[in-house]
C-alpha cells in the first residue's frame, strides 16, 4: 500500500485566504477531501456510489503539519495515497505542494471509518475494499 498516488491540482480561491492573501489553515483539510474523493473515484468507486450502497466514510482522526503558506491564485498540487486498508478503516496520506516549484506546504493524514446509515461503524464492503486495495 501507499505506492500509488493520485494527483489533484487546485487554484487557491480568494475566499480561501485571509486579508493578506494567505490560505486559512482549515482549507488544507478541504483540499485533502478533494484529493481523497478523486482518489476513490480513480479507484473505480465514486463516493456517491458508496453512499448509495449505504456506506459512508467518517473522518475519525486527522494530523496535519504546515510547512509553508499557500497564497491567493497559486496552483497547489494535492498528492493523495492510500497507506492502509483495514476491515473498517482507511488511512490516507497527503502532501500538498506549490505546483510551480514543488515546495512542500502541508503534510497530512486522515483515518476514515466506514459507518452505516445509523452512524454505527461497519465493515467496508468486500468489493469496495478490494478495489481500493488494488488501486
Protein backbone atom coordinates (compact mmCIF):
# COMPACT_ATOMS: atom_id res chain seq x y z
CA UNK A 1 0.00 0.00 0.00
CA UNK A 2 0.99 3.61 -0.30
CA UNK A 3 2.98 3.22 -3.53
CA UNK A 4 0.20 4.68 -5.70
CA UNK A 5 -0.52 8.36 -5.64
CA UNK A 6 -3.36 10.35 -7.18
CA UNK A 7 -2.65 13.98 -8.02
CA UNK A 8 -5.27 16.75 -7.92
CA UNK A 9 -4.43 20.35 -8.74
CA UNK A 10 -6.42 23.32 -7.44
CA UNK A 11 -6.13 27.08 -7.78
CA UNK A 12 -6.29 28.97 -4.48
CA UNK A 13 -9.51 30.98 -4.43
CA UNK A 14 -9.83 34.37 -2.78
CA UNK A 15 -12.45 33.01 -0.35
CA UNK A 16 -9.86 30.52 0.97
CA UNK A 17 -7.48 33.24 2.11
CA UNK A 18 -7.25 35.86 4.81
CA UNK A 19 -6.89 39.58 4.24
CA UNK A 20 -3.19 39.13 3.43
CA UNK A 21 -3.88 36.52 0.72
CA UNK A 22 -2.61 33.59 2.84
CA UNK A 23 -4.65 30.38 2.90
CA UNK A 24 -6.57 29.79 6.12
CA UNK A 25 -5.33 26.51 7.66
CA UNK A 26 -8.70 24.67 7.67
CA UNK A 27 -8.83 24.89 3.88
CA UNK A 28 -5.96 22.43 3.61
CA UNK A 29 -8.32 19.79 5.03
CA UNK A 30 -10.90 20.69 2.37
CA UNK A 31 -8.21 20.13 -0.25
CA UNK A 32 -7.37 16.77 1.36
CA UNK A 33 -11.03 15.84 0.98
CA UNK A 34 -10.91 16.80 -2.70
CA UNK A 35 -7.81 14.64 -3.17
CA UNK A 36 -9.35 11.72 -1.28
CA UNK A 37 -12.61 11.92 -3.25
CA UNK A 38 -10.71 11.91 -6.55
CA UNK A 39 -8.51 9.03 -5.36
CA UNK A 40 -11.60 6.95 -4.55
CA UNK A 41 -13.19 7.87 -7.91
CA UNK A 42 -10.00 6.85 -9.76
CA UNK A 43 -10.08 3.54 -7.86
CA UNK A 44 -13.42 2.79 -9.53
CA UNK A 45 -15.92 3.66 -6.82
CA UNK A 46 -17.22 7.23 -6.78
CA UNK A 47 -18.06 8.32 -3.25
CA UNK A 48 -21.70 8.90 -4.24
CA UNK A 49 -21.90 5.22 -5.17
CA UNK A 50 -20.61 4.23 -1.73
CA UNK A 51 -23.32 6.32 -0.12
CA UNK A 52 -25.93 4.80 -2.43
CA UNK A 53 -24.76 1.38 -1.21
CA UNK A 54 -25.35 2.54 2.38
CA UNK A 55 -21.73 3.14 3.35
CA UNK A 56 -20.28 6.46 4.45
CA UNK A 57 -16.71 7.24 5.45
CA UNK A 58 -16.38 9.40 8.54
CA UNK A 59 -13.11 11.11 9.40
CA UNK A 60 -12.11 9.87 12.85
CA UNK A 61 -8.54 11.15 13.04
CA UNK A 62 -6.59 13.97 11.38
CA UNK A 63 -2.98 15.02 11.61
CA UNK A 64 -1.62 17.98 9.70
CA UNK A 65 1.69 19.78 9.64
CA UNK A 66 2.07 23.13 7.91
CA UNK A 67 5.49 23.70 6.33
CA UNK A 68 4.86 26.90 4.32
CA UNK A 69 1.82 29.01 3.38
CA UNK A 70 -0.09 28.92 0.12
CA UNK A 71 -1.27 32.22 -1.34
CA UNK A 72 -4.15 33.53 -3.38
CA UNK A 73 -4.19 32.49 -7.07
CA UNK A 74 -1.39 29.93 -6.75
CA UNK A 75 -1.91 26.43 -8.09
CA UNK A 76 -1.44 23.76 -5.45
CA UNK A 77 -0.97 20.06 -6.00
CA UNK A 78 -2.56 17.55 -3.64
CA UNK A 79 -0.84 14.16 -3.77
CA UNK A 80 -3.05 11.55 -2.14
CA UNK A 81 -2.08 7.98 -1.32
CA UNK A 82 -3.89 5.20 0.48
CA UNK A 83 -1.48 3.86 3.09
CA UNK A 84 -3.73 1.40 4.94
CA UNK A 85 -6.91 -0.57 4.26
CA UNK A 86 -8.35 -2.44 7.22
CA UNK A 87 -11.71 -4.11 7.67
CA UNK A 88 -13.36 -0.91 8.96
CA UNK A 89 -10.90 1.92 8.33
CA UNK A 90 -8.91 3.57 5.57
CA UNK A 91 -5.83 5.73 6.11
CA UNK A 92 -4.91 8.36 3.53
CA UNK A 93 -1.68 10.36 3.37
CA UNK A 94 -1.43 13.74 1.66
CA UNK A 95 1.35 16.02 0.53
CA UNK A 96 0.27 19.46 -0.63
CA UNK A 97 2.85 21.35 -2.66
CA UNK A 98 3.15 24.54 -4.66
CA UNK A 99 2.64 23.20 -8.20
CA UNK A 100 5.07 25.62 -9.82
CA UNK A 101 8.05 24.89 -7.56
CA UNK A 102 7.22 21.65 -5.77
CA UNK A 103 7.72 23.35 -2.40
CA UNK A 104 6.04 21.35 0.35
CA UNK A 105 3.23 23.28 2.00
CA UNK A 106 1.43 20.67 4.12
CA UNK A 107 1.76 17.02 5.14
CA UNK A 108 -1.41 15.41 6.43
CA UNK A 109 -3.06 12.11 7.23
CA UNK A 110 -6.69 11.15 7.75
CA UNK A 111 -8.21 7.96 9.11
CA UNK A 112 -11.76 7.25 7.96
CA UNK A 113 -14.12 4.71 9.48
CA UNK A 114 -16.85 3.03 7.49
CA UNK A 115 -20.25 3.75 9.03
CA UNK A 116 -23.77 2.63 8.19
CA UNK A 117 -26.87 4.83 7.82
CA UNK A 118 -27.34 4.79 11.61
CA UNK A 119 -23.82 6.07 12.24
CA UNK A 120 -22.51 2.74 13.51
CA UNK A 121 -19.07 1.55 12.49
CA UNK A 122 -19.37 -1.24 9.97
CA UNK A 123 -17.09 -3.26 7.74
CA UNK A 124 -16.10 -1.86 4.40
CA UNK A 125 -17.92 -3.97 1.76
CA UNK A 126 -15.51 -6.59 0.34
CA UNK A 127 -15.87 -5.37 -3.26
CA UNK A 128 -15.09 -1.79 -2.29
CA UNK A 129 -12.19 -2.88 -0.15
CA UNK A 130 -10.78 -4.99 -2.98
CA UNK A 131 -10.97 -2.10 -5.48
CA UNK A 132 -9.23 0.26 -3.08
CA UNK A 133 -6.50 -2.25 -2.22
CA UNK A 134 -5.82 -2.79 -5.92
CA UNK A 135 -5.93 0.90 -6.88
